Amino acid sequence: TGNAAGFTADALKKQAAQLQTVTNFGDETIINAQAMLATFKEIKGDQFQAATKAAMDMSAVMGTDLKESVLQIGKALNDPTRGMSALATLG
């Protein structure tokens, strides 16, 4: 990620390994989701970690693909005015 999200690749791998113990997603799937989320330049640090978890929760509850959830949450957090409106239409 070039440290764009405020984390090294090793730190993200470690987080993915921890998250896989409490979700239905494997670490490779989580790492791919993190990589996609890292493309949203405004999401960093604690917000990045929370967004990763929120996307997994959203996928589990709504029965959607993790990639789709990451894109939706990433867009919402990267541009809150437009993104929150898009999320509101999901429910």
PDB file of N, CA and C in Angstrom:
ATOM      1  N   THR A   1       0.818  -1.209   0.000  1.00  0.00           N
ATOM      2  CA  THR A   1       0.000   0.000   0.000  1.00  0.00           C
ATOM      3  C   THR A   1       0.849   1.254   0.000  1.00  0.00           C
ATOM      4  N   GLY A   2       2.161   1.093   0.095  1.00  0.00           N
ATOM      5  CA  GLY A   2       3.012   2.272   0.174  1.00  0.00           C
ATOM      6  C   GLY A   2       2.717   3.073   1.430  1.00  0.00           C
ATOM      7  N   ASN A   3       2.181   2.405   2.435  1.00  0.00           N
ATOM      8  CA  ASN A   3       1.831   3.034   3.710  1.00  0.00           C
ATOM      9  C   ASN A   3       0.721   4.078   3.559  1.00  0.00           C
ATOM     10  N   ALA A   4      -0.037   3.998   2.461  1.00  0.00           N
ATOM     11  CA  ALA A   4      -1.100   4.976   2.194  1.00  0.00           C
ATOM     12  C   ALA A   4      -2.154   4.998   3.293  1.00  0.00           C
ATOM     13  N   ALA A   5      -2.475   3.848   3.836  1.00  0.00           N
ATOM     14  CA  ALA A   5      -3.498   3.771   4.873  1.00  0.00           C
ATOM     15  C   ALA A   5      -2.903   3.950   6.270  1.00  0.00           C
ATOM     16  N   GLY A   6      -1.588   4.139   6.325  1.00  0.00           N
ATOM     17  CA  GLY A   6      -0.937   4.291   7.616  1.00  0.00           C
ATOM     18  C   GLY A   6      -0.445   2.979   8.194  1.00  0.00           C
ATOM     19  N   PHE A   7      -0.411   1.941   7.359  1.00  0.00           N
ATOM     20  CA  PHE A   7       0.017   0.614   7.809  1.00  0.00           C
ATOM     21  C   PHE A   7       0.967   0.010   6.786  1.00  0.00           C
ATOM     22  N   THR A   8       1.901  -0.781   7.273  1.00  0.00           N
ATOM     23  CA  THR A   8       2.764  -1.533   6.369  1.00  0.00           C
ATOM     24  C   THR A   8       2.016  -2.767   5.898  1.00  0.00           C
ATOM     25  N   ALA A   9       2.522  -3.399   4.866  1.00  0.00           N
ATOM     26  CA  ALA A   9       1.916  -4.637   4.366  1.00  0.00           C
ATOM     27  C   ALA A   9       1.924  -5.707   5.453  1.00  0.00           C
ATOM     28  N   ASP A  10       2.999  -5.775   6.212  1.00  0.00           N
ATOM     29  CA  ASP A  10       3.076  -6.762   7.296  1.00  0.00           C
ATOM     30  C   ASP A  10       2.022  -6.505   8.371  1.00  0.00           C
ATOM     31  N   ALA A  11       1.794  -5.247   8.694  1.00  0.00           N
ATOM     32  CA  ALA A  11       0.778  -4.907   9.694  1.00  0.00           C
ATOM     33  C   ALA A  11      -0.612  -5.301   9.200  1.00  0.00           C
ATOM     34  N   LEU A  12      -0.877  -5.095   7.908  1.00  0.00           N
ATOM     35  CA  LEU A  12      -2.181  -5.477   7.350  1.00  0.00           C
ATOM     36  C   LEU A  12      -2.346  -6.995   7.326  1.00  0.00           C
ATOM     37  N   LYS A  13      -1.282  -7.708   7.029  1.00  0.00           N
ATOM     38  CA  LYS A  13      -1.345  -9.175   7.055  1.00  0.00           C
ATOM     39  C   LYS A  13      -1.633  -9.676   8.465  1.00  0.00           C
ATOM     40  N   LYS A  14      -1.016  -9.048   9.444  1.00  0.00           N
ATOM     41  CA  LYS A  14      -1.232  -9.428  10.840  1.00  0.00           C
ATOM     42  C   LYS A  14      -2.689  -9.161  11.240  1.00  0.00           C
ATOM     43  N   GLN A  15      -3.216  -8.002  10.830  1.00  0.00           N
ATOM     44  CA  GLN A  15      -4.611  -7.683  11.125  1.00  0.00           C
ATOM     45  C   GLN A  15      -5.537  -8.695  10.450  1.00  0.00           C
ATOM     46  N   ALA A  16      -5.242  -9.052   9.208  1.00  0.00           N
ATOM     47  CA  ALA A  16      -6.068 -10.015   8.481  1.00  0.00           C
ATOM     48  C   ALA A  16      -6.053 -11.376   9.175  1.00  0.00           C
ATOM     49  N   ALA A  17      -4.897 -11.782   9.664  1.00  0.00           N
ATOM     50  CA  ALA A  17      -4.792 -13.058  10.372  1.00  0.00           C
ATOM     51  C   ALA A  17      -5.635 -13.054  11.644  1.00  0.00           C
ATOM     52  N   GLN A  18      -5.653 -11.920  12.341  1.00  0.00           N
ATOM     53  CA  GLN A  18      -6.462 -11.807  13.557  1.00  0.00           C
ATOM     54  C   GLN A  18      -7.950 -11.791  13.227  1.00  0.00           C
ATOM     55  N   LEU A  19      -8.313 -11.068  12.183  1.00  0.00           N
ATOM     56  CA  LEU A  19      -9.724 -10.949  11.816  1.00  0.00           C
ATOM     57  C   LEU A  19     -10.318 -12.266  11.335  1.00  0.00           C
ATOM     58  N   GLN A  20      -9.504 -13.083  10.685  1.00  0.00           N
ATOM     59  CA  GLN A  20     -10.037 -14.342  10.176  1.00  0.00           C
ATOM     60  C   GLN A  20     -10.473 -15.288  11.300  1.00  0.00           C
ATOM     61  N   THR A  21      -9.975 -15.057  12.502  1.00  0.00           N
ATOM     62  CA  THR A  21     -10.361 -15.920  13.626  1.00  0.00           C
ATOM     63  C   THR A  21     -11.752 -15.582  14.162  1.00  0.00           C
ATOM     64  N   VAL A  22     -12.286 -14.402  13.775  1.00  0.00           N
ATOM     65  CA  VAL A  22     -13.593 -13.988  14.294  1.00  0.00           C
ATOM     66  C   VAL A  22     -14.619 -13.740  13.185  1.00  0.00           C
ATOM     67  N   THR A  23     -14.274 -14.115  11.947  1.00  0.00           N
ATOM     68  CA  THR A  23     -15.199 -13.929  10.832  1.00  0.00           C
ATOM     69  C   THR A  23     -15.240 -15.187   9.979  1.00  0.00           C
ATOM     70  N   ASN A  24     -16.091 -15.158   8.966  1.00  0.00           N
ATOM     71  CA  ASN A  24     -16.160 -16.261   8.006  1.00  0.00           C
ATOM     72  C   ASN A  24     -15.218 -16.049   6.835  1.00  0.00           C
ATOM     73  N   PHE A  25     -14.482 -14.966   6.835  1.00  0.00           N
ATOM     74  CA  PHE A  25     -13.581 -14.648   5.734  1.00  0.00           C
ATOM     75  C   PHE A  25     -12.166 -15.103   6.048  1.00  0.00           C
ATOM     76  N   GLY A  26     -11.495 -15.670   5.060  1.00  0.00           N
ATOM     77  CA  GLY A  26     -10.110 -16.080   5.216  1.00  0.00           C
ATOM     78  C   GLY A  26      -9.174 -14.893   5.108  1.00  0.00           C
ATOM     79  N   ASP A  27      -7.943 -15.085   5.553  1.00  0.00           N
ATOM     80  CA  ASP A  27      -6.999 -13.962   5.556  1.00  0.00           C
ATOM     81  C   ASP A  27      -6.692 -13.445   4.157  1.00  0.00           C
ATOM     82  N   GLU A  28      -6.665 -14.306   3.150  1.00  0.00           N
ATOM     83  CA  GLU A  28      -6.400 -13.838   1.785  1.00  0.00           C
ATOM     84  C   GLU A  28      -7.531 -12.948   1.277  1.00  0.00           C
ATOM     85  N   THR A  29      -8.762 -13.318   1.597  1.00  0.00           N
ATOM     86  CA  THR A  29      -9.914 -12.504   1.206  1.00  0.00           C
ATOM     87  C   THR A  29      -9.860 -11.159   1.910  1.00  0.00           C
ATOM     88  N   ILE A  30      -9.490 -11.164   3.174  1.00  0.00           N
ATOM     89  CA  ILE A  30      -9.390  -9.915   3.945  1.00  0.00           C
ATOM     90  C   ILE A  30      -8.264  -9.046   3.399  1.00  0.00           C
ATOM     91  N   ILE A  31      -7.133  -9.644   3.068  1.00  0.00           N
ATOM     92  CA  ILE A  31      -6.007  -8.886   2.510  1.00  0.00           C
ATOM     93  C   ILE A  31      -6.416  -8.238   1.188  1.00  0.00           C
ATOM     94  N   ASN A  32      -7.145  -8.966   0.357  1.00  0.00           N
ATOM     95  CA  ASN A  32      -7.629  -8.388  -0.904  1.00  0.00           C
ATOM     96  C   ASN A  32      -8.573  -7.219  -0.642  1.00  0.00           C
ATOM     97  N   ALA A  33      -9.414  -7.362   0.363  1.00  0.00           N
ATOM     98  CA  ALA A  33     -10.333  -6.275   0.730  1.00  0.00           C
ATOM     99  C   ALA A  33      -9.548  -5.066   1.236  1.00  0.00           C
ATOM    100  N   GLN A  34      -8.529  -5.312   2.050  1.00  0.00           N
ATOM    101  CA  GLN A  34      -7.699  -4.221   2.561  1.00  0.00           C
ATOM    102  C   GLN A  34      -6.992  -3.502   1.412  1.00  0.00           C
ATOM    103  N   ALA A  35      -6.515  -4.264   0.441  1.00  0.00           N
ATOM    104  CA  ALA A  35      -5.827  -3.669  -0.708  1.00  0.00           C
ATOM    105  C   ALA A  35      -6.778  -2.759  -1.480  1.00  0.00           C
ATOM    106  N   MET A  36      -8.009  -3.206  -1.640  1.00  0.00           N
ATOM    107  CA  MET A  36      -8.993  -2.399  -2.345  1.00  0.00           C
ATOM    108  C   MET A  36      -9.330  -1.141  -1.534  1.00  0.00           C
ATOM    109  N   LEU A  37      -9.485  -1.308  -0.231  1.00  0.00           N
ATOM    110  CA  LEU A  37      -9.801  -0.173   0.630  1.00  0.00           C
ATOM    111  C   LEU A  37      -8.658   0.842   0.637  1.00  0.00           C
ATOM    112  N   ALA A  38      -7.433   0.377   0.493  1.00  0.00           N
ATOM    113  CA  ALA A  38      -6.271   1.270   0.489  1.00  0.00           C
ATOM    114  C   ALA A  38      -6.255   2.192  -0.726  1.00  0.00           C
ATOM    115  N   THR A  39      -7.041   1.888  -1.742  1.00  0.00           N
ATOM    116  CA  THR A  39      -7.098   2.767  -2.912  1.00  0.00           C
ATOM    117  C   THR A  39      -7.881   4.044  -2.620  1.00  0.00           C
ATOM    118  N   PHE A  40      -8.639   4.052  -1.531  1.00  0.00           N
ATOM    119  CA  PHE A  40      -9.363   5.251  -1.106  1.00  0.00           C
ATOM    120  C   PHE A  40      -8.430   6.059  -0.215  1.00  0.00           C
ATOM    121  N   LYS A  41      -7.839   7.086  -0.760  1.00  0.00           N
ATOM    122  CA  LYS A  41      -6.753   7.822  -0.104  1.00  0.00           C
ATOM    123  C   LYS A  41      -7.154   8.569   1.156  1.00  0.00           C
ATOM    124  N   GLU A  42      -8.438   8.820   1.360  1.00  0.00           N
ATOM    125  CA  GLU A  42      -8.874   9.572   2.536  1.00  0.00           C
ATOM    126  C   GLU A  42      -9.110   8.676   3.761  1.00  0.00           C
ATOM    127  N   ILE A  43      -9.009   7.369   3.588  1.00  0.00           N
ATOM    128  CA  ILE A  43      -9.283   6.433   4.684  1.00  0.00           C
ATOM    129  C   ILE A  43      -7.952   5.946   5.236  1.00  0.00           C
ATOM    130  N   LYS A  44      -7.666   6.319   6.486  1.00  0.00           N
ATOM    131  CA  LYS A  44      -6.360   6.025   7.081  1.00  0.00           C
ATOM    132  C   LYS A  44      -6.500   5.664   8.548  1.00  0.00           C
ATOM    133  N   GLY A  45      -5.486   5.033   9.070  1.00  0.00           N
ATOM    134  CA  GLY A  45      -5.375   4.771  10.501  1.00  0.00           C
ATOM    135  C   GLY A  45      -6.538   3.979  11.077  1.00  0.00           C
ATOM    136  N   ASP A  46      -7.049   4.469  12.207  1.00  0.00           N
ATOM    137  CA  ASP A  46      -8.145   3.782  12.891  1.00  0.00           C
ATOM    138  C   ASP A  46      -9.378   3.659  12.008  1.00  0.00           C
ATOM    139  N   GLN A  47      -9.610   4.682  11.183  1.00  0.00           N
ATOM    140  CA  GLN A  47     -10.760   4.649  10.279  1.00  0.00           C
ATOM    141  C   GLN A  47     -10.615   3.502   9.275  1.00  0.00           C
ATOM    142  N   PHE A  48      -9.398   3.242   8.832  1.00  0.00           N
ATOM    143  CA  PHE A  48      -9.133   2.144   7.900  1.00  0.00           C
ATOM    144  C   PHE A  48      -9.478   0.805   8.549  1.00  0.00           C
ATOM    145  N   GLN A  49      -9.024   0.623   9.772  1.00  0.00           N
ATOM    146  CA  GLN A  49      -9.316  -0.626  10.482  1.00  0.00           C
ATOM    147  C   GLN A  49     -10.810  -0.781  10.727  1.00  0.00           C
ATOM    148  N   ALA A  50     -11.466   0.275  11.136  1.00  0.00           N
ATOM    149  CA  ALA A  50     -12.907   0.220  11.377  1.00  0.00           C
ATOM    150  C   ALA A  50     -13.670  -0.055  10.086  1.00  0.00           C
ATOM    151  N   ALA A  51     -13.218   0.533   8.988  1.00  0.00           N
ATOM    152  CA  ALA A  51     -13.883   0.326   7.700  1.00  0.00           C
ATOM    153  C   ALA A  51     -13.745  -1.123   7.243  1.00  0.00           C
ATOM    154  N   THR A  52     -12.598  -1.712   7.493  1.00  0.00           N
ATOM    155  CA  THR A  52     -12.389  -3.124   7.142  1.00  0.00           C
ATOM    156  C   THR A  52     -13.388  -3.995   7.899  1.00  0.00           C
ATOM    157  N   LYS A  53     -13.492  -3.771   9.188  1.00  0.00           N
ATOM    158  CA  LYS A  53     -14.429  -4.545  10.010  1.00  0.00           C
ATOM    159  C   LYS A  53     -15.877  -4.279   9.608  1.00  0.00           C
ATOM    160  N   ALA A  54     -16.206  -3.022   9.332  1.00  0.00           N
ATOM    161  CA  ALA A  54     -17.573  -2.678   8.939  1.00  0.00           C
ATOM    162  C   ALA A  54     -17.953  -3.352   7.628  1.00  0.00           C
ATOM    163  N   ALA A  55     -17.033  -3.418   6.695  1.00  0.00           N
ATOM    164  CA  ALA A  55     -17.309  -4.076   5.412  1.00  0.00           C
ATOM    165  C   ALA A  55     -17.565  -5.571   5.615  1.00  0.00           C
ATOM    166  N   MET A  56     -16.797  -6.190   6.496  1.00  0.00           N
ATOM    167  CA  MET A  56     -17.018  -7.618   6.769  1.00  0.00           C
ATOM    168  C   MET A  56     -18.365  -7.826   7.440  1.00  0.00           C
ATOM    169  N   ASP A  57     -18.696  -6.978   8.393  1.00  0.00           N
ATOM    170  CA  ASP A  57     -20.002  -7.070   9.064  1.00  0.00           C
ATOM    171  C   ASP A  57     -21.144  -6.870   8.069  1.00  0.00           C
ATOM    172  N   MET A  58     -20.987  -5.871   7.206  1.00  0.00           N
ATOM    173  CA  MET A  58     -22.015  -5.570   6.217  1.00  0.00           C
ATOM    174  C   MET A  58     -22.226  -6.760   5.277  1.00  0.00           C
ATOM    175  N   SER A  59     -21.152  -7.365   4.839  1.00  0.00           N
ATOM    176  CA  SER A  59     -21.249  -8.529   3.953  1.00  0.00           C
ATOM    177  C   SER A  59     -21.938  -9.694   4.643  1.00  0.00           C
ATOM    178  N   ALA A  60     -21.588  -9.909   5.897  1.00  0.00           N
ATOM    179  CA  ALA A  60     -22.183 -11.015   6.645  1.00  0.00           C
ATOM    180  C   ALA A  60     -23.677 -10.811   6.851  1.00  0.00           C
ATOM    181  N   VAL A  61     -24.068  -9.605   7.211  1.00  0.00           N
ATOM    182  CA  VAL A  61     -25.476  -9.315   7.496  1.00  0.00           C
ATOM    183  C   VAL A  61     -26.311  -9.305   6.223  1.00  0.00           C
ATOM    184  N   MET A  62     -25.767  -8.689   5.167  1.00  0.00           N
ATOM    185  CA  MET A  62     -26.539  -8.527   3.943  1.00  0.00           C
ATOM    186  C   MET A  62     -26.353  -9.682   2.959  1.00  0.00           C
ATOM    187  N   GLY A  63     -25.426 -10.582   3.269  1.00  0.00           N
ATOM    188  CA  GLY A  63     -25.177 -11.712   2.383  1.00  0.00           C
ATOM    189  C   GLY A  63     -24.560 -11.298   1.055  1.00  0.00           C
ATOM    190  N   THR A  64     -23.727 -10.250   1.092  1.00  0.00           N
ATOM    191  CA  THR A  64     -23.097  -9.758  -0.124  1.00  0.00           C
ATOM    192  C   THR A  64     -21.614 -10.096  -0.141  1.00  0.00           C
ATOM    193  N   ASP A  65     -21.028  -9.904  -1.296  1.00  0.00           N
ATOM    194  CA  ASP A  65     -19.615 -10.129  -1.504  1.00  0.00           C
ATOM    195  C   ASP A  65     -18.806  -9.075  -0.739  1.00  0.00           C
ATOM    196  N   LEU A  66     -17.690  -9.468  -0.150  1.00  0.00           N
ATOM    197  CA  LEU A  66     -16.861  -8.533   0.616  1.00  0.00           C
ATOM    198  C   LEU A  66     -16.335  -7.408  -0.274  1.00  0.00           C
ATOM    199  N   LYS A  67     -15.989  -7.727  -1.503  1.00  0.00           N
ATOM    200  CA  LYS A  67     -15.503  -6.707  -2.436  1.00  0.00           C
ATOM    201  C   LYS A  67     -16.556  -5.610  -2.625  1.00  0.00           C
ATOM    202  N   GLU A  68     -17.798  -6.007  -2.800  1.00  0.00           N
ATOM    203  CA  GLU A  68     -18.890  -5.043  -2.974  1.00  0.00           C
ATOM    204  C   GLU A  68     -19.040  -4.161  -1.732  1.00  0.00           C
ATOM    205  N   SER A  69     -18.962  -4.770  -0.562  1.00  0.00           N
ATOM    206  CA  SER A  69     -19.095  -4.006   0.685  1.00  0.00           C
ATOM    207  C   SER A  69     -17.947  -3.032   0.872  1.00  0.00           C
ATOM    208  N   VAL A  70     -16.739  -3.455   0.548  1.00  0.00           N
ATOM    209  CA  VAL A  70     -15.579  -2.565   0.672  1.00  0.00           C
ATOM    210  C   VAL A  70     -15.736  -1.368  -0.253  1.00  0.00           C
ATOM    211  N   LEU A  71     -16.191  -1.609  -1.468  1.00  0.00           N
ATOM    212  CA  LEU A  71     -16.391  -0.502  -2.400  1.00  0.00           C
ATOM    213  C   LEU A  71     -17.426   0.487  -1.885  1.00  0.00           C
ATOM    214  N   GLN A  72     -18.519  -0.015  -1.364  1.00  0.00           N
ATOM    215  CA  GLN A  72     -19.573   0.861  -0.853  1.00  0.00           C
ATOM    216  C   GLN A  72     -19.104   1.662   0.353  1.00  0.00           C
ATOM    217  N   ILE A  73     -18.451   0.997   1.292  1.00  0.00           N
ATOM    218  CA  ILE A  73     -17.968   1.689   2.487  1.00  0.00           C
ATOM    219  C   ILE A  73     -16.827   2.641   2.132  1.00  0.00           C
ATOM    220  N   GLY A  74     -15.958   2.202   1.247  1.00  0.00           N
ATOM    221  CA  GLY A  74     -14.865   3.068   0.811  1.00  0.00           C
ATOM    222  C   GLY A  74     -15.372   4.346   0.171  1.00  0.00           C
ATOM    223  N   LYS A  75     -16.351   4.220  -0.707  1.00  0.00           N
ATOM    224  CA  LYS A  75     -16.927   5.404  -1.355  1.00  0.00           C
ATOM    225  C   LYS A  75     -17.601   6.307  -0.323  1.00  0.00           C
ATOM    226  N   ALA A  76     -18.303   5.706   0.621  1.00  0.00           N
ATOM    227  CA  ALA A  76     -19.005   6.487   1.642  1.00  0.00           C
ATOM    228  C   ALA A  76     -18.034   7.270   2.519  1.00  0.00           C
ATOM    229  N   LEU A  77     -16.937   6.673   2.898  1.00  0.00           N
ATOM    230  CA  LEU A  77     -15.980   7.343   3.778  1.00  0.00           C
ATOM    231  C   LEU A  77     -15.063   8.303   3.017  1.00  0.00           C
ATOM    232  N   ASN A  78     -14.785   7.987   1.780  1.00  0.00           N
ATOM    233  CA  ASN A  78     -13.892   8.823   0.983  1.00  0.00           C
ATOM    234  C   ASN A  78     -14.558  10.141   0.589  1.00  0.00           C
ATOM    235  N   ASP A  79     -15.862  10.087   0.329  1.00  0.00           N
ATOM    236  CA  ASP A  79     -16.644  11.282  -0.021  1.00  0.00           C
ATOM    237  C   ASP A  79     -17.963  11.183   0.743  1.00  0.00           C
ATOM    238  N   PRO A  80     -17.960  11.561   2.023  1.00  0.00           N
ATOM    239  CA  PRO A  80     -19.121  11.332   2.884  1.00  0.00           C
ATOM    240  C   PRO A  80     -20.443  11.902   2.376  1.00  0.00           C
ATOM    241  N   THR A  81     -20.424  13.048   1.747  1.00  0.00           N
ATOM    242  CA  THR A  81     -21.675  13.651   1.300  1.00  0.00           C
ATOM    243  C   THR A  81     -22.378  12.765   0.283  1.00  0.00           C
ATOM    244  N   ARG A  82     -21.666  12.344  -0.726  1.00  0.00           N
ATOM    245  CA  ARG A  82     -22.267  11.474  -1.749  1.00  0.00           C
ATOM    246  C   ARG A  82     -22.365  10.037  -1.278  1.00  0.00           C
ATOM    247  N   GLY A  83     -21.348   9.570  -0.575  1.00  0.00           N
ATOM    248  CA  GLY A  83     -21.291   8.178  -0.169  1.00  0.00           C
ATOM    249  C   GLY A  83     -22.374   7.769   0.804  1.00  0.00           C
ATOM    250  N   MET A  84     -22.687   8.614   1.757  1.00  0.00           N
ATOM    251  CA  MET A  84     -23.731   8.275   2.727  1.00  0.00           C
ATOM    252  C   MET A  84     -25.101   8.213   2.053  1.00  0.00           C
ATOM    253  N   SER A  85     -25.308   9.036   1.063  1.00  0.00           N
ATOM    254  CA  SER A  85     -26.568   8.981   0.310  1.00  0.00           C
ATOM    255  C   SER A  85     -26.686   7.643  -0.416  1.00  0.00           C
ATOM    256  N   ALA A  86     -25.588   7.178  -0.980  1.00  0.00           N
ATOM    257  CA  ALA A  86     -25.597   5.890  -1.674  1.00  0.00           C
ATOM    258  C   ALA A  86     -25.851   4.743  -0.708  1.00  0.00           C
ATOM    259  N   LEU A  87     -25.246   4.800   0.481  1.00  0.00           N
ATOM    260  CA  LEU A  87     -25.476   3.751   1.476  1.00  0.00           C
ATOM    261  C   LEU A  87     -26.923   3.738   1.956  1.00  0.00           C
ATOM    262  N   ALA A  88     -27.526   4.899   2.054  1.00  0.00           N
ATOM    263  CA  ALA A  88     -28.906   4.994   2.533  1.00  0.00           C
ATOM    264  C   ALA A  88     -29.879   4.279   1.611  1.00  0.00           C
ATOM    265  N   THR A  89     -29.553   4.174   0.346  1.00  0.00           N
ATOM    266  CA  THR A  89     -30.443   3.512  -0.610  1.00  0.00           C
ATOM    267  C   THR A  89     -30.358   2.000  -0.525  1.00  0.00           C
ATOM    268  N   LEU A  90     -29.363   1.462   0.185  1.00  0.00           N
ATOM    269  CA  LEU A  90     -29.201   0.009   0.298  1.00  0.00           C
ATOM    270  C   LEU A  90     -30.274  -0.620   1.162  1.00  0.00           C
ATOM    271  N   GLY A  91     -30.695   0.073   2.201  1.00  0.00           N
ATOM    272  CA  GLY A  91     -31.617  -0.483   3.169  1.00  0.00           C
ATOM    273  C   GLY A  91     -32.978  -0.562   2.633  1.00  0.00           C
TER     274      GLY A  91
END
